[in-house]
């Protein structure tokens, strides 16, 4: 992991897993091409008691974030951390009405994400993370 990303994650952890008004989790994936573990801080929105929603906004860029490709390549090798606890994740990509509902839920928490959707022609993927059983 890059030095800058390590520094950012340290700062986020010290701030209570928050950055620019967003609650964060640290998503660990296995690289689609490299096979190496990668960690990315991503905004999280609670979805019930034991689930999180994350959106692959990538700042409105035309391509999905690298972590999304990693999840798609290795869905059984995903972990998330928040509050100092790391757990293996079960990942579900949401589609149709469930995705639309989740997107509205995310926008209530993070209205700025609407700008990202306006910047790109791609459908922003929304993933629901739960603890793997």
N, C-alpha and C. Protein backbone atom coordinates (compact mmCIF):
# COMPACT_ATOMS: atom_id res chain seq x y z
N UNK A 1 0.86 -1.17 0.00
CA UNK A 1 0.00 0.00 0.00
C UNK A 1 0.90 1.23 0.00
N UNK A 2 0.49 2.24 -0.72
CA UNK A 2 1.29 3.44 -0.85
C UNK A 2 1.42 4.21 0.45
N UNK A 3 2.49 4.95 0.56
CA UNK A 3 2.76 5.75 1.76
C UNK A 3 1.64 6.75 2.02
N UNK A 4 1.18 7.43 0.97
CA UNK A 4 0.12 8.43 1.13
C UNK A 4 -1.17 7.78 1.62
N UNK A 5 -1.52 6.63 1.03
CA UNK A 5 -2.74 5.94 1.45
C UNK A 5 -2.62 5.50 2.92
N UNK A 6 -1.44 4.99 3.30
CA UNK A 6 -1.22 4.60 4.70
C UNK A 6 -1.42 5.78 5.64
N UNK A 7 -0.86 6.92 5.27
CA UNK A 7 -0.99 8.12 6.08
C UNK A 7 -2.44 8.55 6.19
N UNK A 8 -3.16 8.53 5.07
CA UNK A 8 -4.58 8.90 5.08
C UNK A 8 -5.37 7.99 6.00
N UNK A 9 -5.12 6.70 5.92
CA UNK A 9 -5.87 5.75 6.76
C UNK A 9 -5.57 6.00 8.23
N UNK A 10 -4.30 6.27 8.57
CA UNK A 10 -3.96 6.58 9.97
C UNK A 10 -4.72 7.81 10.45
N UNK A 11 -4.77 8.83 9.62
CA UNK A 11 -5.49 10.07 9.99
C UNK A 11 -6.99 9.79 10.14
N UNK A 12 -7.56 9.01 9.25
CA UNK A 12 -8.98 8.68 9.33
C UNK A 12 -9.29 7.91 10.62
N UNK A 13 -8.43 6.98 10.94
CA UNK A 13 -8.65 6.19 12.16
C UNK A 13 -8.60 7.07 13.40
N UNK A 14 -7.67 8.01 13.41
CA UNK A 14 -7.56 8.93 14.56
C UNK A 14 -8.77 9.84 14.67
N UNK A 15 -9.44 10.09 13.55
CA UNK A 15 -10.62 10.96 13.56
C UNK A 15 -11.91 10.16 13.75
N UNK A 16 -11.79 8.94 14.24
CA UNK A 16 -12.98 8.13 14.50
C UNK A 16 -13.56 7.53 13.24
N UNK A 17 -12.72 7.18 12.28
CA UNK A 17 -13.16 6.60 11.01
C UNK A 17 -14.10 7.54 10.26
N UNK A 18 -13.72 8.82 10.26
CA UNK A 18 -14.51 9.84 9.56
C UNK A 18 -13.59 10.68 8.68
N UNK A 19 -14.18 11.17 7.57
CA UNK A 19 -13.45 12.05 6.67
C UNK A 19 -14.47 12.89 5.90
N UNK A 20 -14.31 14.19 5.98
CA UNK A 20 -15.18 15.13 5.27
C UNK A 20 -16.67 14.83 5.49
N UNK A 21 -17.04 14.55 6.73
CA UNK A 21 -18.43 14.28 7.06
C UNK A 21 -18.92 12.89 6.71
N UNK A 22 -18.03 12.02 6.28
CA UNK A 22 -18.42 10.66 5.92
C UNK A 22 -17.92 9.67 6.96
N UNK A 23 -18.76 8.70 7.27
CA UNK A 23 -18.32 7.56 8.06
C UNK A 23 -17.61 6.61 7.11
N UNK A 24 -16.47 6.09 7.55
CA UNK A 24 -15.65 5.24 6.68
C UNK A 24 -15.59 3.81 7.19
N UNK A 25 -15.31 2.92 6.26
CA UNK A 25 -14.83 1.59 6.60
C UNK A 25 -13.62 1.35 5.71
N UNK A 26 -12.83 0.38 6.07
CA UNK A 26 -11.62 0.06 5.32
C UNK A 26 -11.85 -1.28 4.65
N UNK A 27 -11.97 -1.23 3.33
CA UNK A 27 -12.29 -2.39 2.53
C UNK A 27 -10.98 -3.03 2.07
N UNK A 28 -10.82 -4.30 2.39
CA UNK A 28 -9.65 -5.05 1.93
C UNK A 28 -10.11 -6.04 0.88
N UNK A 29 -9.45 -5.97 -0.28
CA UNK A 29 -9.75 -6.85 -1.40
C UNK A 29 -8.46 -7.49 -1.88
N UNK A 30 -8.59 -8.46 -2.76
CA UNK A 30 -7.44 -9.08 -3.39
C UNK A 30 -7.41 -8.59 -4.83
N UNK A 31 -6.26 -8.06 -5.24
CA UNK A 31 -6.12 -7.49 -6.57
C UNK A 31 -6.54 -8.44 -7.68
N UNK A 32 -7.36 -7.94 -8.60
CA UNK A 32 -7.85 -8.76 -9.70
C UNK A 32 -6.70 -9.28 -10.55
N UNK A 33 -5.68 -8.48 -10.75
CA UNK A 33 -4.52 -8.88 -11.57
C UNK A 33 -3.34 -9.31 -10.71
N UNK A 34 -3.06 -8.55 -9.65
CA UNK A 34 -1.85 -8.79 -8.86
C UNK A 34 -1.99 -9.94 -7.87
N UNK A 35 -3.21 -10.19 -7.40
CA UNK A 35 -3.42 -11.20 -6.38
C UNK A 35 -2.98 -10.74 -4.99
N UNK A 36 -2.56 -9.47 -4.87
CA UNK A 36 -2.12 -8.93 -3.58
C UNK A 36 -3.27 -8.24 -2.87
N UNK A 37 -3.23 -8.26 -1.54
CA UNK A 37 -4.26 -7.58 -0.76
C UNK A 37 -4.10 -6.07 -0.91
N UNK A 38 -5.25 -5.41 -1.04
CA UNK A 38 -5.32 -3.95 -1.17
C UNK A 38 -6.35 -3.44 -0.18
N UNK A 39 -6.05 -2.31 0.44
CA UNK A 39 -6.99 -1.72 1.39
C UNK A 39 -7.39 -0.33 0.90
N UNK A 40 -8.69 -0.05 0.94
CA UNK A 40 -9.22 1.23 0.49
C UNK A 40 -10.21 1.77 1.50
N UNK A 41 -10.06 3.03 1.91
CA UNK A 41 -11.09 3.64 2.74
C UNK A 41 -12.27 4.02 1.85
N UNK A 42 -13.48 3.64 2.26
CA UNK A 42 -14.69 3.96 1.50
C UNK A 42 -15.77 4.46 2.45
N UNK A 43 -16.64 5.32 1.93
CA UNK A 43 -17.77 5.81 2.73
C UNK A 43 -18.74 4.66 2.97
N UNK A 44 -19.27 4.61 4.20
CA UNK A 44 -20.23 3.56 4.56
C UNK A 44 -21.52 4.19 5.04
N UNK A 45 -22.61 3.54 4.69
CA UNK A 45 -23.93 3.95 5.15
C UNK A 45 -24.58 2.71 5.75
N UNK A 46 -25.07 2.83 6.97
CA UNK A 46 -25.70 1.69 7.64
C UNK A 46 -26.96 1.27 6.89
N UNK A 47 -27.13 -0.05 6.79
CA UNK A 47 -28.33 -0.62 6.19
C UNK A 47 -28.84 -1.69 7.14
N UNK A 48 -29.57 -1.25 8.14
CA UNK A 48 -30.00 -2.15 9.19
C UNK A 48 -28.92 -2.26 10.25
N UNK A 49 -29.05 -3.25 11.11
CA UNK A 49 -28.13 -3.38 12.24
C UNK A 49 -26.77 -3.95 11.86
N UNK A 50 -26.74 -4.85 10.90
CA UNK A 50 -25.51 -5.58 10.63
C UNK A 50 -25.05 -5.51 9.17
N UNK A 51 -25.37 -4.42 8.47
CA UNK A 51 -24.99 -4.33 7.06
C UNK A 51 -24.58 -2.90 6.74
N UNK A 52 -23.75 -2.79 5.71
CA UNK A 52 -23.26 -1.50 5.22
C UNK A 52 -23.48 -1.41 3.73
N UNK A 53 -23.79 -0.22 3.27
CA UNK A 53 -23.85 0.06 1.85
C UNK A 53 -22.61 0.86 1.48
N UNK A 54 -22.00 0.49 0.35
CA UNK A 54 -20.90 1.28 -0.19
C UNK A 54 -21.18 1.51 -1.67
N UNK A 55 -20.76 2.66 -2.17
CA UNK A 55 -21.02 3.01 -3.57
C UNK A 55 -19.69 3.20 -4.29
N UNK A 56 -19.59 2.65 -5.47
CA UNK A 56 -18.38 2.76 -6.28
C UNK A 56 -18.40 4.03 -7.11
N UNK A 57 -18.43 5.18 -6.44
CA UNK A 57 -18.54 6.46 -7.15
C UNK A 57 -17.28 6.82 -7.91
N UNK A 58 -16.13 6.52 -7.35
CA UNK A 58 -14.84 6.88 -7.93
C UNK A 58 -14.80 8.35 -8.32
N UNK A 59 -15.44 9.17 -7.50
CA UNK A 59 -15.43 10.62 -7.72
C UNK A 59 -16.11 11.05 -9.00
N UNK A 60 -16.96 10.18 -9.58
CA UNK A 60 -17.64 10.51 -10.82
C UNK A 60 -16.83 10.22 -12.07
N UNK A 61 -15.70 9.55 -11.91
CA UNK A 61 -14.88 9.20 -13.08
C UNK A 61 -15.62 8.19 -13.97
N UNK A 62 -15.16 8.05 -15.19
CA UNK A 62 -15.84 7.18 -16.16
C UNK A 62 -15.61 5.69 -15.89
N UNK A 63 -14.63 5.35 -15.05
CA UNK A 63 -14.38 3.94 -14.76
C UNK A 63 -14.69 3.63 -13.29
N UNK A 64 -15.01 2.38 -13.05
CA UNK A 64 -15.27 1.94 -11.68
C UNK A 64 -13.97 2.01 -10.88
N UNK A 65 -14.07 2.15 -9.55
CA UNK A 65 -12.86 2.13 -8.73
C UNK A 65 -12.19 0.76 -8.78
N UNK A 66 -10.89 0.74 -8.56
CA UNK A 66 -10.13 -0.52 -8.62
C UNK A 66 -10.69 -1.54 -7.63
N UNK A 67 -11.10 -1.08 -6.44
CA UNK A 67 -11.59 -2.04 -5.46
C UNK A 67 -12.81 -2.79 -5.97
N UNK A 68 -13.63 -2.16 -6.81
CA UNK A 68 -14.82 -2.81 -7.35
C UNK A 68 -14.40 -3.99 -8.25
N UNK A 69 -13.42 -3.75 -9.11
CA UNK A 69 -12.93 -4.82 -9.98
C UNK A 69 -12.36 -5.97 -9.15
N UNK A 70 -11.69 -5.63 -8.06
CA UNK A 70 -11.14 -6.66 -7.18
C UNK A 70 -12.24 -7.49 -6.54
N UNK A 71 -13.30 -6.82 -6.10
CA UNK A 71 -14.43 -7.53 -5.49
C UNK A 71 -15.07 -8.48 -6.51
N UNK A 72 -15.24 -7.99 -7.73
CA UNK A 72 -15.86 -8.82 -8.77
C UNK A 72 -14.98 -10.03 -9.10
N UNK A 73 -13.67 -9.84 -9.10
CA UNK A 73 -12.75 -10.94 -9.42
C UNK A 73 -12.63 -11.95 -8.28
N UNK A 74 -12.70 -11.47 -7.05
CA UNK A 74 -12.50 -12.34 -5.87
C UNK A 74 -13.55 -12.03 -4.80
N UNK A 75 -14.84 -12.31 -5.06
CA UNK A 75 -15.89 -11.93 -4.10
C UNK A 75 -15.80 -12.68 -2.77
N UNK A 76 -15.07 -13.78 -2.75
CA UNK A 76 -14.93 -14.55 -1.51
C UNK A 76 -13.71 -14.12 -0.70
N UNK A 77 -13.00 -13.09 -1.18
CA UNK A 77 -11.81 -12.59 -0.48
C UNK A 77 -11.94 -11.09 -0.25
N UNK A 78 -12.95 -10.74 0.54
CA UNK A 78 -13.24 -9.34 0.86
C UNK A 78 -13.42 -9.24 2.37
N UNK A 79 -12.80 -8.23 2.95
CA UNK A 79 -12.92 -7.96 4.38
C UNK A 79 -13.23 -6.49 4.56
N UNK A 80 -13.89 -6.18 5.68
CA UNK A 80 -14.07 -4.77 6.01
C UNK A 80 -13.74 -4.55 7.48
N UNK A 81 -13.26 -3.36 7.75
CA UNK A 81 -12.86 -2.97 9.09
C UNK A 81 -13.48 -1.64 9.43
N UNK A 82 -13.99 -1.54 10.63
CA UNK A 82 -14.38 -0.26 11.21
C UNK A 82 -14.37 -0.44 12.71
N UNK A 83 -14.13 0.64 13.40
CA UNK A 83 -14.06 0.56 14.86
C UNK A 83 -13.00 -0.40 15.35
N UNK A 84 -11.95 -0.61 14.56
CA UNK A 84 -10.85 -1.47 14.98
C UNK A 84 -11.08 -2.95 14.81
N UNK A 85 -12.22 -3.34 14.23
CA UNK A 85 -12.52 -4.76 14.07
C UNK A 85 -12.58 -5.10 12.57
N UNK A 86 -11.90 -6.17 12.18
CA UNK A 86 -11.91 -6.63 10.79
C UNK A 86 -12.69 -7.93 10.70
N UNK A 87 -13.60 -8.00 9.72
CA UNK A 87 -14.39 -9.22 9.51
C UNK A 87 -14.43 -9.54 8.02
N UNK A 88 -14.54 -10.83 7.73
CA UNK A 88 -14.71 -11.23 6.34
C UNK A 88 -16.12 -10.85 5.91
N UNK A 89 -16.23 -10.37 4.67
CA UNK A 89 -17.50 -9.84 4.18
C UNK A 89 -18.17 -10.80 3.21
N UNK A 90 -19.48 -10.77 3.28
CA UNK A 90 -20.30 -11.33 2.23
C UNK A 90 -20.76 -10.12 1.43
N UNK A 91 -20.59 -10.16 0.12
CA UNK A 91 -20.86 -9.00 -0.73
C UNK A 91 -22.03 -9.30 -1.65
N UNK A 92 -22.96 -8.37 -1.69
CA UNK A 92 -24.08 -8.47 -2.62
C UNK A 92 -24.16 -7.17 -3.41
N UNK A 93 -24.08 -7.28 -4.74
CA UNK A 93 -24.27 -6.09 -5.57
C UNK A 93 -25.77 -5.92 -5.79
N UNK A 94 -26.24 -4.71 -5.55
CA UNK A 94 -27.67 -4.44 -5.66
C UNK A 94 -28.03 -3.97 -7.07
N UNK A 95 -29.21 -4.39 -7.53
CA UNK A 95 -29.70 -4.04 -8.86
C UNK A 95 -31.17 -3.66 -8.79
N UNK A 96 -31.64 -3.00 -9.84
CA UNK A 96 -33.06 -2.69 -9.97
C UNK A 96 -33.57 -1.84 -8.83
N UNK A 97 -34.81 -2.12 -8.39
CA UNK A 97 -35.42 -1.31 -7.32
C UNK A 97 -34.62 -1.32 -6.01
N UNK A 98 -33.98 -2.45 -5.70
CA UNK A 98 -33.18 -2.51 -4.46
C UNK A 98 -32.01 -1.54 -4.55
N UNK A 99 -31.38 -1.46 -5.72
CA UNK A 99 -30.28 -0.53 -5.92
C UNK A 99 -30.78 0.90 -5.82
N UNK A 100 -31.92 1.18 -6.46
CA UNK A 100 -32.47 2.53 -6.45
C UNK A 100 -32.80 2.98 -5.02
N UNK A 101 -33.39 2.08 -4.24
CA UNK A 101 -33.69 2.38 -2.83
C UNK A 101 -32.41 2.67 -2.05
N UNK A 102 -31.41 1.83 -2.24
CA UNK A 102 -30.14 1.99 -1.54
C UNK A 102 -29.47 3.30 -1.94
N UNK A 103 -29.54 3.65 -3.23
CA UNK A 103 -28.94 4.91 -3.70
C UNK A 103 -29.60 6.09 -3.01
N UNK A 104 -30.93 6.07 -2.88
CA UNK A 104 -31.62 7.16 -2.19
C UNK A 104 -31.20 7.23 -0.72
N UNK A 105 -31.03 6.07 -0.11
CA UNK A 105 -30.57 6.00 1.28
C UNK A 105 -29.17 6.61 1.41
N UNK A 106 -28.31 6.30 0.46
CA UNK A 106 -26.95 6.85 0.46
C UNK A 106 -26.99 8.36 0.27
N UNK A 107 -27.85 8.85 -0.63
CA UNK A 107 -27.93 10.29 -0.89
C UNK A 107 -28.42 11.08 0.31
N UNK A 108 -29.26 10.47 1.14
CA UNK A 108 -29.70 11.14 2.38
C UNK A 108 -28.49 11.39 3.26
N UNK A 109 -27.61 10.42 3.34
CA UNK A 109 -26.41 10.53 4.17
C UNK A 109 -25.32 11.36 3.49
N UNK A 110 -25.18 11.20 2.19
CA UNK A 110 -24.10 11.87 1.43
C UNK A 110 -24.66 12.51 0.16
N UNK A 111 -25.32 13.67 0.28
CA UNK A 111 -25.92 14.31 -0.89
C UNK A 111 -24.92 14.63 -2.00
N UNK A 112 -23.65 14.84 -1.64
CA UNK A 112 -22.64 15.16 -2.66
C UNK A 112 -22.45 14.05 -3.67
N UNK A 113 -22.85 12.82 -3.34
CA UNK A 113 -22.71 11.70 -4.26
C UNK A 113 -23.56 11.90 -5.52
N UNK A 114 -24.62 12.70 -5.43
CA UNK A 114 -25.44 13.00 -6.62
C UNK A 114 -24.60 13.68 -7.68
N UNK A 115 -23.65 14.52 -7.27
CA UNK A 115 -22.75 15.17 -8.24
C UNK A 115 -21.90 14.15 -8.98
N UNK A 116 -21.47 13.11 -8.28
CA UNK A 116 -20.66 12.07 -8.92
C UNK A 116 -21.48 11.36 -10.00
N UNK A 117 -22.74 11.09 -9.71
CA UNK A 117 -23.60 10.41 -10.68
C UNK A 117 -23.82 11.28 -11.91
N UNK A 118 -23.91 12.59 -11.72
CA UNK A 118 -24.10 13.50 -12.86
C UNK A 118 -22.86 13.59 -13.74
N UNK A 119 -21.69 13.35 -13.16
CA UNK A 119 -20.43 13.47 -13.91
C UNK A 119 -20.15 12.29 -14.82
N UNK A 120 -20.84 11.17 -14.64
CA UNK A 120 -20.49 9.95 -15.37
C UNK A 120 -21.70 9.34 -16.06
N UNK A 121 -21.42 8.60 -17.13
CA UNK A 121 -22.48 7.89 -17.84
C UNK A 121 -22.69 6.48 -17.29
N UNK A 122 -21.76 6.01 -16.47
CA UNK A 122 -21.87 4.65 -15.97
C UNK A 122 -22.85 4.59 -14.79
N UNK A 123 -23.41 3.43 -14.58
CA UNK A 123 -24.24 3.21 -13.40
C UNK A 123 -23.29 2.96 -12.24
N UNK A 124 -23.42 3.74 -11.19
CA UNK A 124 -22.55 3.59 -10.02
C UNK A 124 -22.97 2.33 -9.27
N UNK A 125 -22.04 1.39 -9.11
CA UNK A 125 -22.41 0.15 -8.40
C UNK A 125 -22.59 0.40 -6.90
N UNK A 126 -23.56 -0.30 -6.36
CA UNK A 126 -23.80 -0.24 -4.92
C UNK A 126 -23.70 -1.65 -4.38
N UNK A 127 -22.85 -1.80 -3.38
CA UNK A 127 -22.63 -3.10 -2.76
C UNK A 127 -23.14 -3.08 -1.33
N UNK A 128 -23.72 -4.18 -0.93
CA UNK A 128 -24.17 -4.36 0.46
C UNK A 128 -23.23 -5.37 1.10
N UNK A 129 -22.62 -4.95 2.21
CA UNK A 129 -21.67 -5.80 2.92
C UNK A 129 -22.28 -6.29 4.22
N UNK A 130 -22.15 -7.57 4.46
CA UNK A 130 -22.53 -8.16 5.73
C UNK A 130 -21.40 -9.07 6.18
N UNK A 131 -21.44 -9.44 7.43
CA UNK A 131 -20.44 -10.37 7.96
C UNK A 131 -20.66 -11.74 7.33
N UNK A 132 -19.59 -12.35 6.80
CA UNK A 132 -19.70 -13.69 6.21
C UNK A 132 -20.02 -14.69 7.30
N UNK A 133 -20.80 -15.67 6.95
CA UNK A 133 -21.18 -16.70 7.94
C UNK A 133 -20.30 -17.92 7.84
